[in-house]
Amino acid sequence: MEIKHQEDGKKGYFFIEKEGEKKAEMVYSKAGDQLFIIEHTEVDDSLRGEGAGKKMVMQAVELARKSGKKIMPLCPFAKSVFDKNEEIRDVLK
């Protein structure tokens, strides 16, 4: 499962395509130089149970670590991933 990343100004997206169609997406916005906010995560039924949402959150964690930023998960799903995985809380705001 390949997770792609795209930034467009103050917004960013992690997404998964299958057969040329976007099947999962996690949207974030940049809040200054040190923070980004995960706003929304959506996964198509065809990918449910495959961990697609968690994998996108983990990609965001990797991006935050590489860029020295923190993450504020406003999205309930992303917040639940942080709640369940203590090892990624180093980037939690």
N, C-alpha and C. Protein backbone atom coordinates (compact mmCIF):
# COMPACT_ATOMS: atom_id res chain seq x y z
N MET A 1 0.86 -1.17 0.00
CA MET A 1 0.00 0.00 0.00
C MET A 1 0.90 1.24 0.00
N GLU A 2 0.86 1.97 -1.08
CA GLU A 2 1.70 3.17 -1.21
C GLU A 2 0.95 4.40 -0.73
N ILE A 3 1.58 5.12 0.17
CA ILE A 3 1.00 6.36 0.68
C ILE A 3 1.72 7.52 0.01
N LYS A 4 0.94 8.38 -0.61
CA LYS A 4 1.50 9.54 -1.30
C LYS A 4 1.27 10.78 -0.45
N HIS A 5 2.12 11.78 -0.69
CA HIS A 5 2.04 13.02 0.08
C HIS A 5 2.06 14.20 -0.89
N GLN A 6 1.23 15.18 -0.59
CA GLN A 6 1.16 16.37 -1.42
C GLN A 6 0.91 17.57 -0.51
N GLU A 7 1.60 18.68 -0.80
CA GLU A 7 1.34 19.92 -0.07
C GLU A 7 0.90 20.98 -1.05
N ASP A 8 -0.03 21.80 -0.60
CA ASP A 8 -0.59 22.85 -1.44
C ASP A 8 -0.77 24.09 -0.57
N GLY A 9 0.26 24.92 -0.50
CA GLY A 9 0.18 26.11 0.34
C GLY A 9 0.17 25.73 1.81
N LYS A 10 -0.90 26.09 2.50
CA LYS A 10 -1.00 25.82 3.93
C LYS A 10 -1.68 24.48 4.24
N LYS A 11 -2.06 23.74 3.21
CA LYS A 11 -2.71 22.44 3.39
C LYS A 11 -1.78 21.33 2.92
N GLY A 12 -1.99 20.16 3.47
CA GLY A 12 -1.25 18.99 3.04
C GLY A 12 -2.16 17.78 3.07
N TYR A 13 -1.77 16.75 2.33
CA TYR A 13 -2.59 15.55 2.21
C TYR A 13 -1.68 14.33 2.17
N PHE A 14 -2.06 13.31 2.88
CA PHE A 14 -1.52 11.98 2.68
C PHE A 14 -2.67 11.19 2.08
N PHE A 15 -2.40 10.41 1.05
CA PHE A 15 -3.49 9.69 0.41
C PHE A 15 -3.02 8.39 -0.20
N ILE A 16 -3.99 7.52 -0.44
CA ILE A 16 -3.75 6.22 -1.06
C ILE A 16 -4.66 6.11 -2.26
N GLU A 17 -4.06 5.77 -3.40
CA GLU A 17 -4.84 5.57 -4.62
C GLU A 17 -4.87 4.09 -4.95
N LYS A 18 -5.97 3.68 -5.51
CA LYS A 18 -6.13 2.30 -5.97
C LYS A 18 -6.84 2.37 -7.31
N GLU A 19 -6.21 1.81 -8.32
CA GLU A 19 -6.78 1.82 -9.67
C GLU A 19 -7.09 3.25 -10.12
N GLY A 20 -6.18 4.18 -9.81
CA GLY A 20 -6.31 5.57 -10.25
C GLY A 20 -7.31 6.41 -9.47
N GLU A 21 -7.91 5.84 -8.43
CA GLU A 21 -8.90 6.56 -7.63
C GLU A 21 -8.39 6.74 -6.21
N LYS A 22 -8.63 7.91 -5.63
CA LYS A 22 -8.25 8.16 -4.24
C LYS A 22 -9.17 7.36 -3.33
N LYS A 23 -8.58 6.47 -2.53
CA LYS A 23 -9.37 5.59 -1.67
C LYS A 23 -9.22 5.92 -0.19
N ALA A 24 -8.21 6.71 0.15
CA ALA A 24 -8.02 7.12 1.54
C ALA A 24 -7.31 8.46 1.54
N GLU A 25 -7.64 9.29 2.52
CA GLU A 25 -7.04 10.62 2.58
C GLU A 25 -6.99 11.11 4.02
N MET A 26 -5.89 11.75 4.36
CA MET A 26 -5.76 12.44 5.64
C MET A 26 -5.32 13.86 5.32
N VAL A 27 -6.10 14.82 5.78
CA VAL A 27 -5.87 16.23 5.47
C VAL A 27 -5.31 16.93 6.70
N TYR A 28 -4.28 17.76 6.48
CA TYR A 28 -3.75 18.56 7.58
C TYR A 28 -3.54 19.99 7.11
N SER A 29 -3.47 20.90 8.08
CA SER A 29 -3.16 22.29 7.77
C SER A 29 -1.94 22.70 8.58
N LYS A 30 -1.16 23.60 8.01
CA LYS A 30 0.02 24.11 8.69
C LYS A 30 -0.40 25.27 9.59
N ALA A 31 0.10 25.26 10.81
CA ALA A 31 -0.18 26.33 11.76
C ALA A 31 1.16 26.90 12.21
N GLY A 32 1.65 27.86 11.46
CA GLY A 32 2.97 28.41 11.75
C GLY A 32 4.07 27.48 11.26
N ASP A 33 5.28 27.71 11.78
CA ASP A 33 6.44 26.94 11.32
C ASP A 33 6.67 25.65 12.09
N GLN A 34 6.03 25.52 13.25
CA GLN A 34 6.36 24.40 14.12
C GLN A 34 5.22 23.40 14.36
N LEU A 35 4.09 23.60 13.70
CA LEU A 35 2.92 22.78 14.02
C LEU A 35 2.09 22.49 12.78
N PHE A 36 1.59 21.28 12.69
CA PHE A 36 0.51 21.05 11.74
C PHE A 36 -0.62 20.29 12.42
N ILE A 37 -1.82 20.54 11.91
CA ILE A 37 -3.05 20.06 12.53
C ILE A 37 -3.70 19.03 11.62
N ILE A 38 -3.87 17.81 12.11
CA ILE A 38 -4.58 16.79 11.34
C ILE A 38 -6.07 17.07 11.51
N GLU A 39 -6.71 17.40 10.40
CA GLU A 39 -8.11 17.82 10.44
C GLU A 39 -9.10 16.69 10.17
N HIS A 40 -8.72 15.79 9.27
CA HIS A 40 -9.71 14.83 8.77
C HIS A 40 -9.01 13.60 8.21
N THR A 41 -9.56 12.45 8.49
CA THR A 41 -9.08 11.19 7.90
C THR A 41 -10.29 10.44 7.37
N GLU A 42 -10.17 9.98 6.14
CA GLU A 42 -11.27 9.23 5.52
C GLU A 42 -10.70 8.04 4.76
N VAL A 43 -11.30 6.87 4.96
CA VAL A 43 -10.86 5.65 4.30
C VAL A 43 -12.07 4.99 3.65
N ASP A 44 -11.93 4.66 2.37
CA ASP A 44 -12.99 3.98 1.63
C ASP A 44 -13.21 2.58 2.21
N ASP A 45 -14.44 2.11 2.10
CA ASP A 45 -14.78 0.77 2.61
C ASP A 45 -13.88 -0.32 2.04
N SER A 46 -13.41 -0.13 0.80
CA SER A 46 -12.58 -1.15 0.16
C SER A 46 -11.23 -1.33 0.85
N LEU A 47 -10.82 -0.37 1.68
CA LEU A 47 -9.54 -0.47 2.40
C LEU A 47 -9.72 -0.69 3.90
N ARG A 48 -10.94 -0.76 4.35
CA ARG A 48 -11.19 -0.93 5.80
C ARG A 48 -10.56 -2.23 6.29
N GLY A 49 -9.98 -2.16 7.48
CA GLY A 49 -9.35 -3.32 8.07
C GLY A 49 -7.92 -3.55 7.64
N GLU A 50 -7.39 -2.71 6.75
CA GLU A 50 -6.02 -2.87 6.27
C GLU A 50 -5.05 -1.92 6.96
N GLY A 51 -5.54 -1.12 7.89
CA GLY A 51 -4.66 -0.20 8.60
C GLY A 51 -4.28 1.04 7.82
N ALA A 52 -5.06 1.38 6.80
CA ALA A 52 -4.73 2.51 5.94
C ALA A 52 -4.69 3.83 6.72
N GLY A 53 -5.67 4.04 7.57
CA GLY A 53 -5.72 5.28 8.35
C GLY A 53 -4.51 5.42 9.26
N LYS A 54 -4.20 4.36 9.98
CA LYS A 54 -3.04 4.40 10.88
C LYS A 54 -1.75 4.61 10.11
N LYS A 55 -1.62 3.99 8.95
CA LYS A 55 -0.41 4.15 8.15
C LYS A 55 -0.23 5.60 7.71
N MET A 56 -1.33 6.28 7.40
CA MET A 56 -1.22 7.69 7.02
C MET A 56 -0.82 8.54 8.22
N VAL A 57 -1.36 8.24 9.39
CA VAL A 57 -0.96 8.97 10.60
C VAL A 57 0.53 8.76 10.86
N MET A 58 1.01 7.53 10.68
CA MET A 58 2.42 7.25 10.92
C MET A 58 3.32 7.99 9.92
N GLN A 59 2.84 8.18 8.71
CA GLN A 59 3.59 8.97 7.74
C GLN A 59 3.67 10.43 8.19
N ALA A 60 2.58 10.94 8.76
CA ALA A 60 2.58 12.30 9.29
C ALA A 60 3.57 12.42 10.45
N VAL A 61 3.63 11.40 11.30
CA VAL A 61 4.58 11.38 12.41
C VAL A 61 6.01 11.43 11.88
N GLU A 62 6.28 10.64 10.86
CA GLU A 62 7.61 10.62 10.25
C GLU A 62 7.96 12.00 9.68
N LEU A 63 7.01 12.63 9.00
CA LEU A 63 7.23 13.97 8.46
C LEU A 63 7.51 14.97 9.58
N ALA A 64 6.75 14.89 10.66
CA ALA A 64 6.94 15.81 11.79
C ALA A 64 8.33 15.62 12.40
N ARG A 65 8.75 14.40 12.56
CA ARG A 65 10.08 14.13 13.14
C ARG A 65 11.18 14.68 12.24
N LYS A 66 11.07 14.45 10.94
CA LYS A 66 12.10 14.91 10.01
C LYS A 66 12.18 16.43 9.94
N SER A 67 11.04 17.09 10.10
CA SER A 67 11.00 18.55 9.95
C SER A 67 11.02 19.29 11.29
N GLY A 68 11.07 18.55 12.40
CA GLY A 68 11.12 19.18 13.72
C GLY A 68 9.82 19.86 14.12
N LYS A 69 8.70 19.33 13.64
CA LYS A 69 7.40 19.93 13.94
C LYS A 69 6.60 19.06 14.90
N LYS A 70 5.53 19.62 15.41
CA LYS A 70 4.60 18.91 16.28
C LYS A 70 3.27 18.74 15.55
N ILE A 71 2.48 17.79 16.02
CA ILE A 71 1.17 17.50 15.42
C ILE A 71 0.08 17.71 16.46
N MET A 72 -0.98 18.40 16.05
CA MET A 72 -2.19 18.50 16.87
C MET A 72 -3.29 17.73 16.14
N PRO A 73 -3.71 16.58 16.67
CA PRO A 73 -4.72 15.78 15.98
C PRO A 73 -6.15 16.20 16.37
N LEU A 74 -6.77 17.05 15.59
CA LEU A 74 -8.16 17.42 15.82
C LEU A 74 -9.10 16.33 15.33
N CYS A 75 -8.67 15.58 14.35
CA CYS A 75 -9.44 14.45 13.82
C CYS A 75 -9.55 13.37 14.90
N PRO A 76 -10.76 12.92 15.23
CA PRO A 76 -10.92 11.89 16.27
C PRO A 76 -10.15 10.60 15.99
N PHE A 77 -10.09 10.20 14.72
CA PHE A 77 -9.35 8.98 14.40
C PHE A 77 -7.86 9.17 14.69
N ALA A 78 -7.28 10.26 14.21
CA ALA A 78 -5.85 10.51 14.43
C ALA A 78 -5.56 10.61 15.93
N LYS A 79 -6.45 11.26 16.67
CA LYS A 79 -6.26 11.37 18.12
C LYS A 79 -6.25 9.98 18.76
N SER A 80 -7.10 9.09 18.29
CA SER A 80 -7.14 7.73 18.85
C SER A 80 -5.84 6.98 18.57
N VAL A 81 -5.23 7.23 17.42
CA VAL A 81 -3.95 6.59 17.10
C VAL A 81 -2.88 7.07 18.09
N PHE A 82 -2.85 8.37 18.37
CA PHE A 82 -1.90 8.89 19.35
C PHE A 82 -2.19 8.34 20.74
N ASP A 83 -3.46 8.22 21.09
CA ASP A 83 -3.83 7.69 22.42
C ASP A 83 -3.37 6.25 22.61
N LYS A 84 -3.38 5.47 21.53
CA LYS A 84 -3.06 4.04 21.61
C LYS A 84 -1.58 3.73 21.42
N ASN A 85 -0.79 4.71 20.94
CA ASN A 85 0.61 4.45 20.59
C ASN A 85 1.53 5.46 21.27
N GLU A 86 1.99 5.09 22.44
CA GLU A 86 2.83 5.99 23.24
C GLU A 86 4.12 6.39 22.52
N GLU A 87 4.64 5.50 21.68
CA GLU A 87 5.93 5.75 21.03
C GLU A 87 5.90 6.88 20.01
N ILE A 88 4.72 7.37 19.65
CA ILE A 88 4.66 8.48 18.69
C ILE A 88 4.31 9.81 19.36
N ARG A 89 4.15 9.80 20.65
CA ARG A 89 3.72 11.01 21.34
C ARG A 89 4.81 12.08 21.43
N ASP A 90 6.03 11.76 21.00
CA ASP A 90 7.08 12.77 21.00
C ASP A 90 6.76 13.93 20.07
N VAL A 91 5.88 13.72 19.09
CA VAL A 91 5.51 14.80 18.16
C VAL A 91 4.14 15.38 18.48
N LEU A 92 3.53 14.92 19.54
CA LEU A 92 2.19 15.38 19.91
C LEU A 92 2.24 16.74 20.58
N LYS A 93 1.36 17.63 20.15
CA LYS A 93 1.26 18.98 20.75
C LYS A 93 0.12 19.00 21.73
